[in-house]
Amino acid sequence: MRVHSTLLAASLLLPLAAAAQAPAPADDPVLARVNGEPVRQSDVLATATEVLPQDLRNMPPAMLMQVLPAEVRRQLLDRTITERALVDAARAAGLDKDEEVRRRIRRAEEQELQQAILTREVTAAVTDDAVRARYDQDSSRRSGEEEVHARHILLQSEADARSALAEVNRAGADFAEVARRRSRDPGARDGGDLGFFKRGDMVPEFAEAAFALQPGQISPTPVRSPFGWHVIKVEARRAAPAPSFEDSRAELRQKLMEEQVEAVVTRIRGAARVERLEPAAPTPSLLDGAAPPPARR
């Protein structure tokens, strides 16, 4: 149920944008005719939603037609004309009466109706206020998660790491300067500075060692990880600040949509009158899995 709901929620985004931007008839000029039937701008835009990048699909129709290069508009119109001609040919051949084709059309209609009811129900619940409320709720739970600010020196052998550890422990040694000179990590030029990070941001071996240190402390022994051998120094510890609302908005909206889809599906399924007619599963027998009797001589 959870995976099914997640996929349904993700698929809501496109229909919502398309429904909000459907052109009025006055803004929907006829661009061509195929067998006497008009091909309108909205037909070309429907084709565009299948092939254009997401950021272009979400633009208002009038603006989209303005920003698309003339050659792209021509290609989209040509594709729409071809599709219309193929549909006309299929109908002329009687394929719209074929039972298998009609079954697939019915299935497509059912899927569109499923999408329509979910879109209506979910958009009513996932408002800007609901997203903001979820942010406030999640932020209060996330506040206080611990972060450390650390530097490290990465080397490929334990012997080299022990040599670097001895060097940074000498009186007056500058850890950042030693890291710039000896570390094999790309961040060596920044003195091995890793900035602030949470425990889950690093591989377990590194995180365990770093979070065991207090500010100013250096790991007592080199720490081995899949990347090599590390000498670690912790500069500071703090409670992690919660991410801003703007940084969280899209993720929270998606999460709320997934939750609402699951709730709507559960509610509608629960209200439906369902009669299962499949035969009941056979009752397990004590002899299930027993060895067959020996053959008679």
Foldseek 3Di string as FASTA:
>chain_A
DLVVLLVLLVVLPLVVLCVVQPDDPVPWDFDDAAPRHTDTLSLLLVLCVVPPDPVLNNDRSVVSVVPDDPVVSVVSVVVSNVVVNVVVVCVVVVVCVPPVVVVVVVVVVVVVVLSVVLSVQLVVPLDPVVLVVVLVVVQVVQWQQKKFKKFKAFDADQVLQVVLVVQCPDPPRDQLVSLLVHGPDPCNVVSRTPGIDGLVVDDNQVSVQQVVDAAQDWRPGWTQDPRHTMIMHTHHMDTDHRDDSVVCRVVSSSVSSSVSSVVVVVVVVVPDDDDDDDDDDDDDDPCVPPDDDDDDD
